[in-house]
Protein backbone atom coordinates (compact mmCIF):
# COMPACT_ATOMS: atom_id res chain seq x y z
CA MET A 1 0.00 0.00 0.00
CA LEU A 2 1.47 3.34 -1.06
CA THR A 3 0.91 6.20 1.36
CA SER A 4 3.67 8.75 0.66
CA TYR A 5 5.95 9.63 -2.20
CA GLU A 6 8.06 12.47 -0.85
CA ARG A 7 11.20 10.38 -0.42
CA LEU A 8 10.87 8.37 -3.63
CA LYS A 9 14.22 8.44 -5.44
CA ALA A 10 14.20 5.28 -7.54
CA LEU A 11 12.04 2.61 -9.16
CA ILE A 12 13.22 -1.01 -9.34
CA PHE A 13 11.49 -3.19 -11.94
CA ASP A 14 11.12 -6.88 -12.49
CA VAL A 15 11.51 -7.56 -16.24
CA ASP A 16 9.71 -10.70 -17.47
CA GLY A 17 5.97 -10.25 -17.10
CA THR A 18 6.34 -6.71 -15.77
CA LEU A 19 8.00 -4.58 -18.43
CA TYR A 20 6.64 -6.88 -21.14
CA GLU A 21 3.78 -9.38 -21.29
CA GLN A 22 5.12 -12.94 -21.38
CA GLY A 23 2.01 -14.65 -22.78
CA PRO A 24 2.23 -13.41 -26.39
CA VAL A 25 5.98 -14.03 -26.50
CA ARG A 26 5.73 -17.61 -25.22
CA ARG A 27 2.86 -18.48 -27.57
CA THR A 28 4.81 -17.18 -30.55
CA MET A 29 7.90 -19.11 -29.48
CA VAL A 30 5.95 -22.39 -29.20
CA TYR A 31 4.76 -21.86 -32.76
CA ARG A 32 8.27 -21.05 -33.99
CA ILE A 33 9.80 -24.08 -32.32
CA LEU A 34 7.22 -26.43 -33.80
CA ARG A 35 7.54 -24.78 -37.22
CA ALA A 36 11.33 -25.16 -37.11
CA HIS A 37 10.90 -28.90 -36.55
CA LEU A 38 8.25 -29.73 -39.16
CA THR A 39 10.39 -32.53 -40.54
CA SER A 40 11.09 -33.91 -37.06
CA PRO A 41 8.10 -33.08 -34.84
CA ALA A 42 9.31 -35.40 -32.09
CA ARG A 43 12.44 -33.30 -31.72
CA GLY A 44 10.32 -30.16 -31.56
CA LEU A 45 8.22 -31.62 -28.76
CA LEU A 46 11.39 -32.71 -26.96
CA THR A 47 12.70 -29.14 -27.22
CA LEU A 48 9.49 -27.75 -25.71
CA TRP A 49 9.55 -30.36 -22.95
CA THR A 50 13.20 -29.60 -22.16
CA LEU A 51 12.62 -25.84 -21.98
CA ARG A 52 9.62 -26.43 -19.74
CA ALA A 53 11.76 -28.57 -17.43
CA TYR A 54 14.34 -25.80 -17.33
CA ARG A 55 11.69 -23.27 -16.22
CA GLN A 56 10.33 -25.72 -13.66
CA ALA A 57 13.84 -26.21 -12.29
CA GLN A 58 13.90 -22.51 -11.51
CA GLU A 59 10.75 -22.84 -9.42
CA VAL A 60 12.31 -25.70 -7.46
CA LEU A 61 15.49 -23.71 -6.89
CA ARG A 62 13.63 -20.72 -5.47
CA GLY A 63 13.97 -22.44 -2.11
CA LEU A 64 17.70 -23.04 -2.50
CA PRO A 65 19.51 -22.10 0.73
CA PRO A 66 22.11 -19.30 0.64
CA GLY A 67 25.61 -20.29 -0.33
CA SER A 68 24.54 -23.22 -2.51
CA GLY A 69 26.97 -22.38 -5.30
CA ASP A 70 26.51 -21.78 -9.03
CA LEU A 71 22.83 -20.98 -9.56
CA ALA A 72 22.88 -21.15 -13.36
CA GLY A 73 24.71 -24.47 -13.27
CA ALA A 74 22.32 -25.88 -10.68
CA GLN A 75 19.34 -25.03 -12.89
CA LEU A 76 20.89 -26.77 -15.89
CA GLU A 77 21.84 -29.82 -13.82
CA LEU A 78 18.36 -30.19 -12.37
CA ALA A 79 16.72 -29.88 -15.80
CA SER A 80 19.17 -32.46 -17.15
CA ARG A 81 18.35 -34.95 -14.38
CA ARG A 82 14.63 -34.52 -15.02
CA THR A 83 14.81 -34.94 -18.79
CA GLY A 84 17.87 -37.07 -19.49
CA VAL A 85 19.07 -34.39 -21.90
CA SER A 86 22.70 -33.36 -21.50
CA VAL A 87 23.58 -30.12 -19.74
CA GLN A 88 25.37 -28.95 -22.88
CA ARG A 89 22.31 -29.55 -25.04
CA ILE A 90 19.99 -27.78 -22.60
CA ALA A 91 22.38 -24.82 -22.42
CA PHE A 92 22.28 -24.60 -26.22
CA LEU A 93 18.47 -24.77 -26.36
CA VAL A 94 18.10 -22.14 -23.64
CA ALA A 95 20.57 -19.80 -25.33
CA HIS A 96 18.85 -20.16 -28.69
CA TRP A 97 15.14 -20.41 -27.89
CA MET A 98 14.87 -18.50 -24.62
CA GLU A 99 17.62 -15.90 -24.82
CA GLN A 100 18.13 -15.09 -28.52
CA GLU A 101 15.03 -15.88 -30.58
CA PRO A 102 12.47 -14.04 -28.38
CA LEU A 103 14.37 -10.73 -28.44
CA PRO A 104 12.70 -9.28 -31.58
CA LEU A 105 9.28 -9.98 -30.03
CA LEU A 106 9.77 -8.04 -26.81
CA ALA A 107 9.27 -4.48 -28.05
CA SER A 108 5.79 -5.22 -29.41
CA SER A 109 4.87 -6.98 -26.15
CA MET A 110 5.89 -4.17 -23.80
CA ARG A 111 3.34 -3.27 -21.16
CA LYS A 112 1.35 -0.20 -22.21
CA GLY A 113 2.74 3.01 -20.84
CA THR A 114 6.27 1.71 -20.27
CA LEU A 115 8.06 4.36 -22.32
CA GLU A 116 5.94 7.15 -20.86
CA LEU A 117 6.61 5.94 -17.32
CA LEU A 118 10.36 5.58 -17.77
CA GLY A 119 10.59 8.95 -19.50
CA GLU A 120 8.61 10.71 -16.74
CA ALA A 121 10.70 9.03 -14.05
CA LYS A 122 13.92 10.26 -15.64
CA LYS A 123 12.42 13.72 -16.16
CA ARG A 124 11.76 13.92 -12.42
CA GLY A 125 15.25 12.77 -11.54
CA LEU A 126 14.38 9.26 -10.38
CA ARG A 127 16.96 6.53 -10.82
CA LEU A 128 15.88 3.25 -12.45
CA ALA A 129 16.97 -0.32 -11.81
CA ALA A 130 15.98 -3.75 -13.09
CA TRP A 131 16.12 -6.95 -11.06
CA SER A 132 15.46 -10.22 -12.84
CA ASP A 133 15.82 -13.96 -12.29
CA TYR A 134 17.56 -14.05 -15.69
CA PRO A 135 20.19 -11.75 -17.27
CA ALA A 136 18.23 -8.76 -18.55
CA GLU A 137 20.57 -6.39 -20.40
CA ARG A 138 19.83 -7.81 -23.86
CA LYS A 139 16.09 -7.83 -23.20
CA LEU A 140 16.11 -4.20 -22.13
CA ALA A 141 18.15 -3.28 -25.20
CA ALA A 142 15.78 -5.22 -27.48
CA MET A 143 12.86 -3.22 -26.09
CA GLY A 144 14.75 0.00 -26.73
CA ILE A 145 14.77 0.96 -23.04
CA GLY A 146 18.21 -0.14 -21.88
CA GLY A 147 19.46 3.45 -21.75
CA PHE A 148 16.94 4.36 -19.07
CA PHE A 149 18.43 1.99 -16.47
CA ASP A 150 21.20 2.93 -14.08
CA VAL A 151 21.47 -0.54 -12.49
CA VAL A 152 20.67 -4.05 -13.76
CA VAL A 153 20.82 -7.02 -11.37
CA ALA A 154 20.32 -10.72 -12.19
CA ALA A 155 20.01 -13.74 -9.95
CA GLN A 156 23.15 -15.16 -11.59
CA ASP A 157 25.33 -12.20 -10.56
CA PRO A 158 28.22 -13.40 -8.34
CA GLU A 159 27.04 -11.40 -5.33
CA VAL A 160 23.42 -12.64 -5.67
CA GLN A 161 23.22 -16.33 -6.68
CA ARG A 162 19.63 -16.60 -5.43
CA PHE A 163 16.26 -16.59 -7.13
CA LYS A 164 13.30 -14.60 -5.90
CA PRO A 165 11.59 -14.53 -3.41
CA ASP A 166 14.96 -14.36 -1.70
CA PRO A 167 15.49 -10.59 -1.39
CA ARG A 168 19.26 -10.72 -2.00
CA GLY A 169 18.95 -9.36 -5.56
CA LEU A 170 16.70 -6.53 -4.46
CA GLU A 171 19.09 -5.64 -1.66
CA THR A 172 21.96 -5.71 -4.18
CA ALA A 173 20.08 -3.28 -6.45
CA LEU A 174 19.51 -1.02 -3.47
CA GLN A 175 23.22 -1.09 -2.62
CA ARG A 176 24.22 -0.27 -6.21
CA LEU A 177 21.77 2.63 -6.23
CA ALA A 178 23.25 3.80 -2.90
CA LEU A 179 19.73 4.45 -1.53
CA GLN A 180 17.73 3.57 1.57
CA LYS A 181 14.75 1.18 1.66
CA ASN A 182 12.21 3.97 2.08
CA GLU A 183 13.54 5.77 -1.00
CA VAL A 184 12.65 3.12 -3.58
CA LEU A 185 9.57 1.39 -4.98
CA TYR A 186 9.68 -2.11 -6.47
CA VAL A 187 7.41 -3.09 -9.36
CA GLY A 188 6.73 -6.75 -10.17
CA ASP A 189 4.01 -9.06 -11.46
CA ARG A 190 3.97 -12.09 -9.12
CA PRO A 191 2.66 -11.66 -5.56
CA ASP A 192 4.20 -14.96 -4.45
CA VAL A 193 7.64 -14.08 -5.81
CA ASP A 194 8.01 -10.33 -6.35
CA GLY A 195 5.66 -9.27 -3.58
CA ALA A 196 7.17 -11.73 -1.12
CA ALA A 197 10.72 -10.61 -1.92
CA ALA A 198 9.87 -6.93 -1.49
CA SER A 199 8.10 -7.63 1.80
CA ARG A 200 11.09 -9.58 3.11
CA ALA A 201 13.36 -6.70 2.12
CA GLY A 202 11.07 -4.14 3.76
CA ILE A 203 10.55 -2.26 0.49
CA ARG A 204 7.31 -0.78 -0.85
CA HIS A 205 6.00 -2.50 -3.95
CA ILE A 206 3.31 -2.61 -6.61
CA ILE A 207 2.19 -5.86 -8.25
CA MET A 208 1.00 -5.45 -11.84
CA SER A 209 -1.79 -7.71 -13.06
CA ARG A 210 -1.92 -9.16 -16.57
CA GLY A 211 -2.97 -6.54 -19.10
CA GLN A 212 -2.78 -3.67 -16.61
CA ASN A 213 -1.12 -0.49 -17.89
CA PHE A 214 1.22 1.82 -16.02
CA THR A 215 -1.28 4.66 -15.51
CA ARG A 216 -1.41 4.25 -11.73
CA LEU A 217 2.34 4.10 -11.39
CA LEU A 218 2.70 7.14 -13.65
CA GLY A 219 0.54 8.99 -11.12
CA VAL A 220 2.85 7.90 -8.31
CA VAL A 221 5.88 9.19 -10.19
CA ALA A 222 4.11 12.49 -10.94
CA LYS A 223 3.58 13.02 -7.18
CA SER A 224 7.17 12.18 -6.24
């Protein structure tokens, strides 16, 4: 619940599902994967199954205790154990179908009002950060908004190595911004992940629902 804006100095955003809508992107990627394997549909289905197992591995690893080691490697290893597909093959599929191929789709799937919000925030002197469970720099660049962000934090960063709802990444973003908890607002799309992380960090937050635009948040920035 937002009650005051006088001390607001920065906005920290989740990326996937918050700055852009994931549904249209994922549906298009399913179609593209199947189309790319018309001559070997079984391989296409295996690719989809493997990528799904990789995403599910992330959900399992959300409860990973601190100090558990290489987060990216752990996700690949878990997906490999669940599918029988080699770590090397899964890494290739993730790099191609999850990290590279979706990039041209992101700009057209941005949440309505994103550019206006980021522009107004910068106009008013607010700093901007992104915190994601996956590396986000290329996604932000693909949406044409990378230049707005002062700080970008990913779960795989050496000083983080934890998925949400662990607040370590959010705390890292706060440290890089050199701001206090009551000076920032976090914006995410999952109450169980983003909301829980912000609550654990003691940081104000807004959870965006599917299809919701940034009008309300633009009002918050205008009052800051």
